[in-house]
Amino acid sequence: MFGQLVKRGIGAWALLWVCILSFVVPSAAQQVTDPVAVELKRRGDTAMEAGHFDAALQAYTKALAIEPAAALHYNRARALQGLGRNADALAEFEAFDAKASPDLKSVVSDFDEMKGQVSRQIAELQVECSVEDATLRFNGQAIPLPLKAPLRFDPSTIVFEIAAPNYESFKTRLTLFAGDSKILKPELKRQDLRATLSITSKLSGTLVQMDGNTMGAVPLDLQVAPGEHRLRYSHPGYRDIQSSLVLRSKERRHVAVTLDRLPLWYETWWFWTAAGAVVTTSIVAGVAFSTERSAGAGDIAPGRISAPIIVQTR
């Protein structure tokens, strides 16, 4: 049986458990009074003697749920120790130490030594995080921060994640060894909720204004706060464009700008109107000049008028 215990990682302490089992369990049994809990404890003791630590733990756990007797905490601790779960075993030893009567403690004369040996097999981790409403996640567990006490772990490599509202999550992988006492101080960065606005145009040099501020010439990639924004696009020789858009948090939006060219001076309506007026005036003047009558030669035909000839004498 000793070989089986050593193979399961218990070693000398498990052998000691078996040696004192017949002495401690009867005394502990006096602390369990519920008939169902007593039967479950008996099944757990039988499983422990056979080295079936999983079955023993299940039996002790069910019994403890029925009757929270101090002795069942001790028995759970021994089963957990047999499974190599020293961090959990230490918690059960501490529960036994807090609840057991002096008489019951006196039965386990080497209790402090056992507890100390288990303590040396685990690692402790403290997490210092000043961000409100932060949560520590690992191995499927979620624990609110700050911690009331350091966390205990069996030697292993664990991925820890710390998350908080409006902050980027922090992840790290730690390898914990027996006897370690580490402090994790995560630096959480505020979550970037800004949207990304990309503005392009085939017309190089198009100037962009947002909410009255000049942002520069296209192409532009802007980090913009979510919400509604007013935009204005301009370029010499082209008509300005004004528009508005609403951006969501972390949205990526692309805007392609097309400006309409202003007509050149000779393409404007007023130019051609004025030019037409000038042309019309010139034509009228030309017609006037070309139709002006020349001096007449008279309209009395020769020989039509007769008059007496008067001869003056001196």
C-alpha atoms as a PDB file:
ATOM      1  CA  MET A   1       0.000   0.000   0.000  1.00  0.00           C
ATOM      2  CA  PHE A   2       2.905   2.356   0.718  1.00  0.00           C
ATOM      3  CA  GLY A   3       4.102   1.943  -2.872  1.00  0.00           C
ATOM      4  CA  GLN A   4       0.674   2.934  -4.165  1.00  0.00           C
ATOM      5  CA  LEU A   5       0.653   6.043  -1.974  1.00  0.00           C
ATOM      6  CA  VAL A   6       4.102   7.106  -3.091  1.00  0.00           C
ATOM      7  CA  LYS A   7       3.071   6.595  -6.728  1.00  0.00           C
ATOM      8  CA  ARG A   8       0.151   8.964  -6.154  1.00  0.00           C
ATOM      9  CA  GLY A   9       2.453  11.662  -4.783  1.00  0.00           C
ATOM     10  CA  ILE A  10       1.575  11.384  -1.101  1.00  0.00           C
ATOM     11  CA  GLY A  11       4.816  10.032   0.274  1.00  0.00           C
ATOM     12  CA  ALA A  12       5.466   9.813   3.977  1.00  0.00           C
ATOM     13  CA  TRP A  13       2.606  12.112   4.912  1.00  0.00           C
ATOM     14  CA  ALA A  14       0.027   9.820   3.327  1.00  0.00           C
ATOM     15  CA  LEU A  15       1.564   6.885   5.141  1.00  0.00           C
ATOM     16  CA  LEU A  16       1.283   8.878   8.349  1.00  0.00           C
ATOM     17  CA  TRP A  17      -2.390   9.533   7.523  1.00  0.00           C
ATOM     18  CA  VAL A  18      -3.019   5.815   7.214  1.00  0.00           C
ATOM     19  CA  CYS A  19      -1.202   5.159  10.456  1.00  0.00           C
ATOM     20  CA  ILE A  20      -3.263   7.658  12.407  1.00  0.00           C
ATOM     21  CA  LEU A  21      -6.492   7.029  10.507  1.00  0.00           C
ATOM     22  CA  SER A  22      -7.761   4.512  13.036  1.00  0.00           C
ATOM     23  CA  PHE A  23      -7.023   6.971  15.816  1.00  0.00           C
ATOM     24  CA  VAL A  24      -8.205  10.296  14.387  1.00  0.00           C
ATOM     25  CA  VAL A  25     -11.311   9.190  12.521  1.00  0.00           C
ATOM     26  CA  PRO A  26     -13.095   7.644  15.509  1.00  0.00           C
ATOM     27  CA  SER A  27     -12.523  10.821  17.513  1.00  0.00           C
ATOM     28  CA  ALA A  28     -13.610  12.955  14.584  1.00  0.00           C
ATOM     29  CA  ALA A  29     -16.644  10.773  14.078  1.00  0.00           C
ATOM     30  CA  GLN A  30     -17.914  11.910  17.450  1.00  0.00           C
ATOM     31  CA  GLN A  31     -18.191  15.416  15.950  1.00  0.00           C
ATOM     32  CA  VAL A  32     -20.494  14.222  13.108  1.00  0.00           C
ATOM     33  CA  THR A  33     -24.007  13.490  14.276  1.00  0.00           C
ATOM     34  CA  ASP A  34     -26.262  13.415  11.212  1.00  0.00           C
ATOM     35  CA  PRO A  35     -26.821   9.759  10.204  1.00  0.00           C
ATOM     36  CA  VAL A  36     -26.398  10.450   6.479  1.00  0.00           C
ATOM     37  CA  ALA A  37     -23.253  12.478   7.092  1.00  0.00           C
ATOM     38  CA  VAL A  38     -21.883   9.728   9.319  1.00  0.00           C
ATOM     39  CA  GLU A  39     -22.444   7.138   6.583  1.00  0.00           C
ATOM     40  CA  LEU A  40     -20.826   9.355   3.964  1.00  0.00           C
ATOM     41  CA  LYS A  41     -17.837   9.896   6.233  1.00  0.00           C
ATOM     42  CA  ARG A  42     -17.511   6.146   6.711  1.00  0.00           C
ATOM     43  CA  ARG A  43     -17.475   5.674   2.933  1.00  0.00           C
ATOM     44  CA  GLY A  44     -14.821   8.358   2.652  1.00  0.00           C
ATOM     45  CA  ASP A  45     -12.674   6.698   5.298  1.00  0.00           C
ATOM     46  CA  THR A  46     -12.923   3.374   3.466  1.00  0.00           C
ATOM     47  CA  ALA A  47     -11.918   5.038   0.190  1.00  0.00           C
ATOM     48  CA  MET A  48      -8.955   6.714   1.875  1.00  0.00           C
ATOM     49  CA  GLU A  49      -7.728   3.390   3.246  1.00  0.00           C
ATOM     50  CA  ALA A  50      -7.859   2.008  -0.297  1.00  0.00           C
ATOM     51  CA  GLY A  51      -6.038   5.032  -1.713  1.00  0.00           C
ATOM     52  CA  HIS A  52      -9.088   6.165  -3.732  1.00  0.00           C
ATOM     53  CA  PHE A  53      -8.707   9.851  -2.984  1.00  0.00           C
ATOM     54  CA  ASP A  54     -11.233  11.075  -5.558  1.00  0.00           C
ATOM     55  CA  ALA A  55     -13.996   8.914  -4.070  1.00  0.00           C
ATOM     56  CA  ALA A  56     -12.996   9.907  -0.562  1.00  0.00           C
ATOM     57  CA  LEU A  57     -13.122  13.592  -1.446  1.00  0.00           C
ATOM     58  CA  GLN A  58     -16.581  13.249  -2.953  1.00  0.00           C
ATOM     59  CA  ALA A  59     -17.897  11.460   0.117  1.00  0.00           C
ATOM     60  CA  TYR A  60     -16.410  13.978   2.555  1.00  0.00           C
ATOM     61  CA  THR A  61     -17.687  16.899   0.478  1.00  0.00           C
ATOM     62  CA  LYS A  62     -21.251  15.544   0.488  1.00  0.00           C
ATOM     63  CA  ALA A  63     -21.069  14.914   4.214  1.00  0.00           C
ATOM     64  CA  LEU A  64     -19.777  18.429   4.825  1.00  0.00           C
ATOM     65  CA  ALA A  65     -22.683  19.880   2.840  1.00  0.00           C
ATOM     66  CA  ILE A  66     -25.063  18.099   5.206  1.00  0.00           C
ATOM     67  CA  GLU A  67     -23.220  18.860   8.438  1.00  0.00           C
ATOM     68  CA  PRO A  68     -20.348  21.415   8.584  1.00  0.00           C
ATOM     69  CA  ALA A  69     -18.281  19.475  11.112  1.00  0.00           C
ATOM     70  CA  ALA A  70     -14.648  20.486  11.672  1.00  0.00           C
ATOM     71  CA  ALA A  71     -13.455  16.892  11.319  1.00  0.00           C
ATOM     72  CA  LEU A  72     -14.791  16.753   7.761  1.00  0.00           C
ATOM     73  CA  HIS A  73     -12.601  19.717   6.834  1.00  0.00           C
ATOM     74  CA  TYR A  74      -9.597  17.799   8.081  1.00  0.00           C
ATOM     75  CA  ASN A  75     -10.621  14.707   6.140  1.00  0.00           C
ATOM     76  CA  ARG A  76     -11.157  16.762   2.986  1.00  0.00           C
ATOM     77  CA  ALA A  77      -7.714  18.275   3.421  1.00  0.00           C
ATOM     78  CA  ARG A  78      -6.123  14.832   3.561  1.00  0.00           C
ATOM     79  CA  ALA A  79      -7.998  13.690   0.447  1.00  0.00           C
ATOM     80  CA  LEU A  80      -6.977  16.827  -1.436  1.00  0.00           C
ATOM     81  CA  GLN A  81      -3.406  16.333  -0.341  1.00  0.00           C
ATOM     82  CA  GLY A  82      -3.582  12.823  -1.708  1.00  0.00           C
ATOM     83  CA  LEU A  83      -4.659  14.294  -5.075  1.00  0.00           C
ATOM     84  CA  GLY A  84      -1.745  16.725  -5.090  1.00  0.00           C
ATOM     85  CA  ARG A  85      -4.052  19.707  -4.624  1.00  0.00           C
ATOM     86  CA  ASN A  86      -2.063  21.279  -1.819  1.00  0.00           C
ATOM     87  CA  ALA A  87      -3.439  24.789  -2.273  1.00  0.00           C
ATOM     88  CA  ASP A  88      -6.985  23.527  -1.643  1.00  0.00           C
ATOM     89  CA  ALA A  89      -5.753  21.243   1.116  1.00  0.00           C
ATOM     90  CA  LEU A  90      -4.236  24.192   2.960  1.00  0.00           C
ATOM     91  CA  ALA A  91      -7.600  26.015   2.879  1.00  0.00           C
ATOM     92  CA  GLU A  92      -9.284  22.966   4.443  1.00  0.00           C
ATOM     93  CA  PHE A  93      -6.574  22.661   7.108  1.00  0.00           C
ATOM     94  CA  GLU A  94      -7.153  26.322   7.977  1.00  0.00           C
ATOM     95  CA  ALA A  95     -10.918  25.721   8.208  1.00  0.00           C
ATOM     96  CA  PHE A  96     -10.277  22.790  10.544  1.00  0.00           C
ATOM     97  CA  ASP A  97      -7.919  24.916  12.628  1.00  0.00           C
ATOM     98  CA  ALA A  98     -10.576  27.646  12.943  1.00  0.00           C
ATOM     99  CA  LYS A  99     -13.494  25.345  13.805  1.00  0.00           C
ATOM    100  CA  ALA A 100     -12.061  22.391  15.708  1.00  0.00           C
ATOM    101  CA  SER A 101     -12.278  22.232  19.463  1.00  0.00           C
ATOM    102  CA  PRO A 102      -9.065  21.995  21.510  1.00  0.00           C
ATOM    103  CA  ASP A 103      -9.882  18.367  22.269  1.00  0.00           C
ATOM    104  CA  LEU A 104     -10.227  17.511  18.597  1.00  0.00           C
ATOM    105  CA  LYS A 105      -7.009  19.374  17.728  1.00  0.00           C
ATOM    106  CA  SER A 106      -5.164  17.509  20.446  1.00  0.00           C
ATOM    107  CA  VAL A 107      -5.926  14.250  18.663  1.00  0.00           C
ATOM    108  CA  VAL A 108      -3.858  15.431  15.666  1.00  0.00           C
ATOM    109  CA  SER A 109      -0.616  16.117  17.484  1.00  0.00           C
ATOM    110  CA  ASP A 110       1.363  16.787  14.303  1.00  0.00           C
ATOM    111  CA  PHE A 111      -1.251  19.088  12.747  1.00  0.00           C
ATOM    112  CA  ASP A 112       0.995  22.168  12.626  1.00  0.00           C
ATOM    113  CA  GLU A 113       3.756  20.180  10.979  1.00  0.00           C
ATOM    114  CA  MET A 114       1.368  18.823   8.340  1.00  0.00           C
ATOM    115  CA  LYS A 115      -0.022  22.281   7.676  1.00  0.00           C
ATOM    116  CA  GLY A 116       3.465  23.747   7.329  1.00  0.00           C
ATOM    117  CA  GLN A 117       4.528  21.017   4.938  1.00  0.00           C
ATOM    118  CA  VAL A 118       1.547  21.714   2.702  1.00  0.00           C
ATOM    119  CA  SER A 119       2.260  25.463   2.827  1.00  0.00           C
ATOM    120  CA  ARG A 120       5.749  24.885   1.462  1.00  0.00           C
ATOM    121  CA  GLN A 121       4.344  23.046  -1.547  1.00  0.00           C
ATOM    122  CA  ILE A 122       2.313  25.951  -2.894  1.00  0.00           C
ATOM    123  CA  ALA A 123       2.876  29.365  -4.479  1.00  0.00           C
ATOM    124  CA  GLU A 124       1.176  32.618  -3.562  1.00  0.00           C
ATOM    125  CA  LEU A 125       0.202  35.448  -5.889  1.00  0.00           C
ATOM    126  CA  GLN A 126      -0.903  38.944  -4.920  1.00  0.00           C
ATOM    127  CA  VAL A 127      -2.495  41.246  -7.510  1.00  0.00           C
ATOM    128  CA  GLU A 128      -2.224  45.001  -7.115  1.00  0.00           C
ATOM    129  CA  CYS A 129      -4.573  46.888  -9.421  1.00  0.00           C
ATOM    130  CA  SER A 130      -5.955  50.375  -8.750  1.00  0.00           C
ATOM    131  CA  VAL A 131      -8.551  50.338 -11.547  1.00  0.00           C
ATOM    132  CA  GLU A 132     -12.124  50.180 -10.278  1.00  0.00           C
ATOM    133  CA  ASP A 133     -14.350  47.226 -11.129  1.00  0.00           C
ATOM    134  CA  ALA A 134     -11.402  45.180 -12.403  1.00  0.00           C
ATOM    135  CA  THR A 135     -11.748  41.397 -12.615  1.00  0.00           C
ATOM    136  CA  LEU A 136      -9.056  38.725 -12.523  1.00  0.00           C
ATOM    137  CA  ARG A 137      -9.684  35.674 -14.726  1.00  0.00           C
ATOM    138  CA  PHE A 138      -7.760  32.405 -14.801  1.00  0.00           C
ATOM    139  CA  ASN A 139      -8.574  28.730 -15.325  1.00  0.00           C
ATOM    140  CA  GLY A 140     -12.244  29.539 -15.916  1.00  0.00           C
ATOM    141  CA  GLN A 141     -12.542  31.556 -12.705  1.00  0.00           C
ATOM    142  CA  ALA A 142     -13.422  35.228 -12.344  1.00  0.00           C
ATOM    143  CA  ILE A 143     -12.442  37.024  -9.133  1.00  0.00           C
ATOM    144  CA  PRO A 144     -13.205  40.709  -8.448  1.00  0.00           C
ATOM    145  CA  LEU A 145     -10.286  42.942  -7.494  1.00  0.00           C
ATOM    146  CA  PRO A 146      -8.835  43.993  -5.134  1.00  0.00           C
ATOM    147  CA  LEU A 147      -8.103  40.637  -3.530  1.00  0.00           C
ATOM    148  CA  LYS A 148      -8.790  40.159   0.132  1.00  0.00           C
ATOM    149  CA  ALA A 149      -5.823  37.819   0.439  1.00  0.00           C
ATOM    150  CA  PRO A 150      -3.114  36.384  -1.836  1.00  0.00           C
ATOM    151  CA  LEU A 151      -4.188  33.574  -4.139  1.00  0.00           C
ATOM    152  CA  ARG A 152      -2.681  30.131  -3.661  1.00  0.00           C
ATOM    153  CA  PHE A 153      -1.666  27.819  -6.465  1.00  0.00           C
ATOM    154  CA  ASP A 154      -0.087  24.471  -6.912  1.00  0.00           C
ATOM    155  CA  PRO A 155       3.081  24.709  -9.043  1.00  0.00           C
ATOM    156  CA  SER A 156       1.962  25.295 -12.626  1.00  0.00           C
ATOM    157  CA  THR A 157       1.936  27.716 -15.555  1.00  0.00           C
ATOM    158  CA  ILE A 158      -1.198  29.844 -15.669  1.00  0.00           C
ATOM    159  CA  VAL A 159      -2.527  32.546 -18.004  1.00  0.00           C
ATOM    160  CA  PHE A 160      -3.968  35.469 -16.066  1.00  0.00           C
ATOM    161  CA  GLU A 161      -6.250  38.111 -17.564  1.00  0.00           C
ATOM    162  CA  ILE A 162      -7.331  41.344 -15.918  1.00  0.00           C
ATOM    163  CA  ALA A 163     -10.212  43.291 -17.429  1.00  0.00           C
ATOM    164  CA  ALA A 164     -12.094  46.436 -16.465  1.00  0.00           C
ATOM    165  CA  PRO A 165     -14.789  48.560 -18.151  1.00  0.00           C
ATOM    166  CA  ASN A 166     -13.345  51.021 -20.700  1.00  0.00           C
ATOM    167  CA  TYR A 167      -9.858  49.489 -20.408  1.00  0.00           C
ATOM    168  CA  GLU A 168      -7.877  47.181 -22.659  1.00  0.00           C
ATOM    169  CA  SER A 169      -7.557  43.725 -21.099  1.00  0.00           C
ATOM    170  CA  PHE A 170      -4.178  42.734 -19.648  1.00  0.00           C
ATOM    171  CA  LYS A 171      -2.854  39.202 -20.163  1.00  0.00           C
ATOM    172  CA  THR A 172       0.222  37.495 -18.827  1.00  0.00           C
ATOM    173  CA  ARG A 173       1.522  33.952 -18.430  1.00  0.00           C
ATOM    174  CA  LEU A 174       3.187  33.082 -15.136  1.00  0.00           C
ATOM    175  CA  THR A 175       5.041  29.957 -14.102  1.00  0.00           C
ATOM    176  CA  LEU A 176       4.650  29.425 -10.378  1.00  0.00           C
ATOM    177  CA  PHE A 177       6.945  27.187  -8.343  1.00  0.00           C
ATOM    178  CA  ALA A 178       6.579  25.757  -4.856  1.00  0.00           C
ATOM    179  CA  GLY A 179       7.424  28.391  -2.276  1.00  0.00           C
ATOM    180  CA  ASP A 180       6.965  31.327  -4.668  1.00  0.00           C
ATOM    181  CA  SER A 181       5.429  34.558  -3.432  1.00  0.00           C
ATOM    182  CA  LYS A 182       4.817  36.872  -6.362  1.00  0.00           C
ATOM    183  CA  ILE A 183       3.113  40.210  -6.897  1.00  0.00           C
ATOM    184  CA  LEU A 184       1.374  41.018 -10.171  1.00  0.00           C
ATOM    185  CA  LYS A 185       1.089  44.733 -10.947  1.00  0.00           C
ATOM    186  CA  PRO A 186      -0.785  45.096 -14.233  1.00  0.00           C
ATOM    187  CA  GLU A 187      -0.777  48.386 -16.117  1.00  0.00           C
ATOM    188  CA  LEU A 188      -4.192  48.722 -17.699  1.00  0.00           C
ATOM    189  CA  LYS A 189      -4.516  51.097 -20.637  1.00  0.00           C
ATOM    190  CA  ARG A 190      -7.715  52.941 -21.330  1.00  0.00           C
ATOM    191  CA  GLN A 191      -9.638  51.404 -24.175  1.00  0.00           C
ATOM    192  CA  ASP A 192      -9.435  53.364 -27.413  1.00  0.00           C
ATOM    193  CA  LEU A 193     -13.071  53.835 -28.419  1.00  0.00           C
ATOM    194  CA  ARG A 194     -12.269  56.200 -31.274  1.00  0.00           C
ATOM    195  CA  ALA A 195     -13.404  55.506 -34.803  1.00  0.00           C
ATOM    196  CA  THR A 196     -11.035  55.526 -37.780  1.00  0.00           C
ATOM    197  CA  LEU A 197     -12.011  57.809 -40.648  1.00  0.00           C
ATOM    198  CA  SER A 198     -10.118  57.494 -43.917  1.00  0.00           C
ATOM    199  CA  ILE A 199     -10.602  60.335 -46.434  1.00  0.00           C
ATOM    200  CA  THR A 200      -9.311  60.187 -49.975  1.00  0.00           C
ATOM    201  CA  SER A 201      -9.809  62.116 -53.217  1.00  0.00           C
ATOM    202  CA  LYS A 202      -8.537  61.919 -56.778  1.00  0.00           C
ATOM    203  CA  LEU A 203      -7.977  65.653 -56.508  1.00  0.00           C
ATOM    204  CA  SER A 204      -4.626  66.070 -54.787  1.00  0.00           C
ATOM    205  CA  GLY A 205      -4.468  68.853 -52.226  1.00  0.00           C
ATOM    206  CA  THR A 206      -8.123  68.746 -51.241  1.00  0.00           C
ATOM    207  CA  LEU A 207      -8.317  70.340 -47.802  1.00  0.00           C
ATOM    208  CA  VAL A 208     -10.410  68.763 -45.035  1.00  0.00           C
ATOM    209  CA  GLN A 209     -12.014  70.558 -42.115  1.00  0.00           C
ATOM    210  CA  MET A 210     -13.767  68.728 -39.301  1.00  0.00           C
ATOM    211  CA  ASP A 211     -16.008  70.484 -36.808  1.00  0.00           C
ATOM    212  CA  GLY A 212     -14.414  73.795 -37.801  1.00  0.00           C
ATOM    213  CA  ASN A 213     -10.826  72.566 -37.414  1.00  0.00           C
ATOM    214  CA  THR A 214      -8.437  72.134 -40.338  1.00  0.00           C
ATOM    215  CA  MET A 215      -7.278  68.516 -40.411  1.00  0.00           C
ATOM    216  CA  GLY A 216      -4.988  68.678 -43.455  1.00  0.00           C
ATOM    217  CA  ALA A 217      -4.996  67.598 -47.077  1.00  0.00           C
ATOM    218  CA  VAL A 218      -6.031  64.212 -48.418  1.00  0.00           C
ATOM    219  CA  PRO A 219      -5.241  61.408 -48.049  1.00  0.00           C
ATOM    220  CA  LEU A 220      -6.042  61.428 -44.318  1.00  0.00           C
ATOM    221  CA  ASP A 221      -6.462  58.747 -41.653  1.00  0.00           C
ATOM    222  CA  LEU A 222      -8.111  60.312 -38.622  1.00  0.00           C
ATOM    223  CA  GLN A 223      -8.783  58.905 -35.150  1.00  0.00           C
ATOM    224  CA  VAL A 224     -12.143  60.413 -34.264  1.00  0.00           C
ATOM    225  CA  ALA A 225     -14.325  60.334 -31.181  1.00  0.00           C
ATOM    226  CA  PRO A 226     -17.607  58.507 -31.776  1.00  0.00           C
ATOM    227  CA  GLY A 227     -20.603  60.681 -32.547  1.00  0.00           C
ATOM    228  CA  GLU A 228     -21.689  63.191 -35.181  1.00  0.00           C
ATOM    229  CA  HIS A 229     -19.128  65.305 -37.047  1.00  0.00           C
ATOM    230  CA  ARG A 230     -19.380  68.103 -39.636  1.00  0.00           C
ATOM    231  CA  LEU A 231     -16.979  67.982 -42.587  1.00  0.00           C
ATOM    232  CA  ARG A 232     -16.006  70.518 -45.213  1.00  0.00           C
ATOM    233  CA  TYR A 233     -13.884  69.818 -48.300  1.00  0.00           C
ATOM    234  CA  SER A 234     -12.297  72.584 -50.371  1.00  0.00           C
ATOM    235  CA  HIS A 235      -9.810  73.125 -53.165  1.00  0.00           C
ATOM    236  CA  PRO A 236      -8.952  76.238 -55.190  1.00  0.00           C
ATOM    237  CA  GLY A 237     -10.966  76.287 -58.377  1.00  0.00           C
ATOM    238  CA  TYR A 238     -13.561  73.822 -57.079  1.00  0.00           C
ATOM    239  CA  ARG A 239     -16.849  74.122 -55.253  1.00  0.00           C
ATOM    240  CA  ASP A 240     -16.728  73.402 -51.510  1.00  0.00           C
ATOM    241  CA  ILE A 241     -18.639  70.420 -50.189  1.00  0.00           C
ATOM    242  CA  GLN A 242     -20.162  70.222 -46.711  1.00  0.00           C
ATOM    243  CA  SER A 243     -21.491  67.055 -45.130  1.00  0.00           C
ATOM    244  CA  SER A 244     -22.034  65.351 -41.759  1.00  0.00           C
ATOM    245  CA  LEU A 245     -21.644  61.776 -40.591  1.00  0.00           C
ATOM    246  CA  VAL A 246     -22.142  59.730 -37.423  1.00  0.00           C
ATOM    247  CA  LEU A 247     -19.396  57.336 -36.334  1.00  0.00           C
ATOM    248  CA  ARG A 248     -19.744  54.434 -33.899  1.00  0.00           C
ATOM    249  CA  SER A 249     -17.117  53.329 -31.391  1.00  0.00           C
ATOM    250  CA  LYS A 250     -14.200  51.563 -33.101  1.00  0.00           C
ATOM    251  CA  GLU A 251     -15.877  51.900 -36.492  1.00  0.00           C
ATOM    252  CA  ARG A 252     -13.722  52.113 -39.622  1.00  0.00           C
ATOM    253  CA  ARG A 253     -15.174  54.381 -42.336  1.00  0.00           C
ATOM    254  CA  HIS A 254     -13.832  55.395 -45.746  1.00  0.00           C
ATOM    255  CA  VAL A 255     -14.970  58.546 -47.538  1.00  0.00           C
ATOM    256  CA  ALA A 256     -14.020  59.272 -51.161  1.00  0.00           C
ATOM    257  CA  VAL A 257     -14.444  62.969 -51.993  1.00  0.00           C
ATOM    258  CA  THR A 258     -15.279  64.289 -55.466  1.00  0.00           C
ATOM    259  CA  LEU A 259     -15.349  68.054 -55.980  1.00  0.00           C
ATOM    260  CA  ASP A 260     -16.985  69.845 -58.916  1.00  0.00           C
ATOM    261  CA  ARG A 261     -14.730  72.227 -60.843  1.00  0.00           C
ATOM    262  CA  LEU A 262     -15.737  75.863 -60.963  1.00  0.00           C
ATOM    263  CA  PRO A 263     -16.185  77.180 -64.558  1.00  0.00           C
ATOM    264  CA  LEU A 264     -13.339  79.281 -65.991  1.00  0.00           C
ATOM    265  CA  TRP A 265     -13.901  82.994 -66.590  1.00  0.00           C
ATOM    266  CA  TYR A 266     -14.723  82.490 -70.221  1.00  0.00           C
ATOM    267  CA  GLU A 267     -17.159  79.692 -69.352  1.00  0.00           C
ATOM    268  CA  THR A 268     -19.407  81.711 -67.080  1.00  0.00           C
ATOM    269  CA  TRP A 269     -22.918  82.782 -68.109  1.00  0.00           C
ATOM    270  CA  TRP A 270     -22.273  86.413 -67.310  1.00  0.00           C
ATOM    271  CA  PHE A 271     -19.195  86.431 -69.507  1.00  0.00           C
ATOM    272  CA  TRP A 272     -21.159  85.208 -72.483  1.00  0.00           C
ATOM    273  CA  THR A 273     -24.042  87.537 -71.689  1.00  0.00           C
ATOM    274  CA  ALA A 274     -21.707  90.524 -71.604  1.00  0.00           C
ATOM    275  CA  ALA A 275     -19.886  89.305 -74.680  1.00  0.00           C
ATOM    276  CA  GLY A 276     -23.206  88.898 -76.481  1.00  0.00           C
ATOM    277  CA  ALA A 277     -24.201  92.419 -75.565  1.00  0.00           C
ATOM    278  CA  VAL A 278     -20.942  93.766 -76.954  1.00  0.00           C
ATOM    279  CA  VAL A 279     -21.357  91.817 -80.157  1.00  0.00           C
ATOM    280  CA  THR A 280     -24.961  92.984 -80.551  1.00  0.00           C
ATOM    281  CA  THR A 281     -23.978  96.600 -80.037  1.00  0.00           C
ATOM    282  CA  SER A 282     -21.231  96.272 -82.633  1.00  0.00           C
ATOM    283  CA  ILE A 283     -23.626  94.792 -85.140  1.00  0.00           C
ATOM    284  CA  VAL A 284     -26.184  97.519 -84.626  1.00  0.00           C
ATOM    285  CA  ALA A 285     -23.535 100.190 -84.962  1.00  0.00           C
ATOM    286  CA  GLY A 286     -22.229  98.560 -88.124  1.00  0.00           C
ATOM    287  CA  VAL A 287     -25.651  98.492 -89.656  1.00  0.00           C
ATOM    288  CA  ALA A 288     -26.185 102.121 -88.760  1.00  0.00           C
ATOM    289  CA  PHE A 289     -22.927 103.152 -90.306  1.00  0.00           C
ATOM    290  CA  SER A 290     -23.476 101.125 -93.449  1.00  0.00           C
ATOM    291  CA  THR A 291     -26.982 102.608 -94.123  1.00  0.00           C
ATOM    292  CA  GLU A 292     -26.172 106.320 -93.679  1.00  0.00           C
ATOM    293  CA  ARG A 293     -27.173 108.324 -96.927  1.00  0.00           C
ATOM    294  CA  SER A 294     -24.598 110.257 -98.948  1.00  0.00           C
ATOM    295  CA  ALA A 295     -25.131 113.897-100.040  1.00  0.00           C
ATOM    296  CA  GLY A 296     -27.887 114.237-102.770  1.00  0.00           C
ATOM    297  CA  ALA A 297     -27.370 115.780-106.239  1.00  0.00           C
ATOM    298  CA  GLY A 298     -30.824 117.416-106.302  1.00  0.00           C
ATOM    299  CA  ASP A 299     -34.169 116.165-107.400  1.00  0.00           C
ATOM    300  CA  ILE A 300     -35.230 118.848-109.952  1.00  0.00           C
ATOM    301  CA  ALA A 301     -34.775 117.679-113.436  1.00  0.00           C
ATOM    302  CA  PRO A 302     -32.969 120.004-115.809  1.00  0.00           C
ATOM    303  CA  GLY A 303     -35.176 122.278-117.927  1.00  0.00           C
ATOM    304  CA  ARG A 304     -38.178 122.018-115.742  1.00  0.00           C
ATOM    305  CA  ILE A 305     -38.007 125.528-114.215  1.00  0.00           C
ATOM    306  CA  SER A 306     -37.781 128.714-116.183  1.00  0.00           C
ATOM    307  CA  ALA A 307     -37.224 132.296-114.981  1.00  0.00           C
ATOM    308  CA  PRO A 308     -36.893 135.631-116.624  1.00  0.00           C
ATOM    309  CA  ILE A 309     -33.455 136.967-117.315  1.00  0.00           C
ATOM    310  CA  ILE A 310     -32.918 140.255-115.759  1.00  0.00           C
ATOM    311  CA  VAL A 311     -30.199 142.445-117.087  1.00  0.00           C
ATOM    312  CA  GLN A 312     -28.979 145.156-114.908  1.00  0.00           C
ATOM    313  CA  THR A 313     -27.504 148.304-116.449  1.00  0.00           C
ATOM    314  CA  ARG A 314     -25.794 151.193-114.883  1.00  0.00           C
END
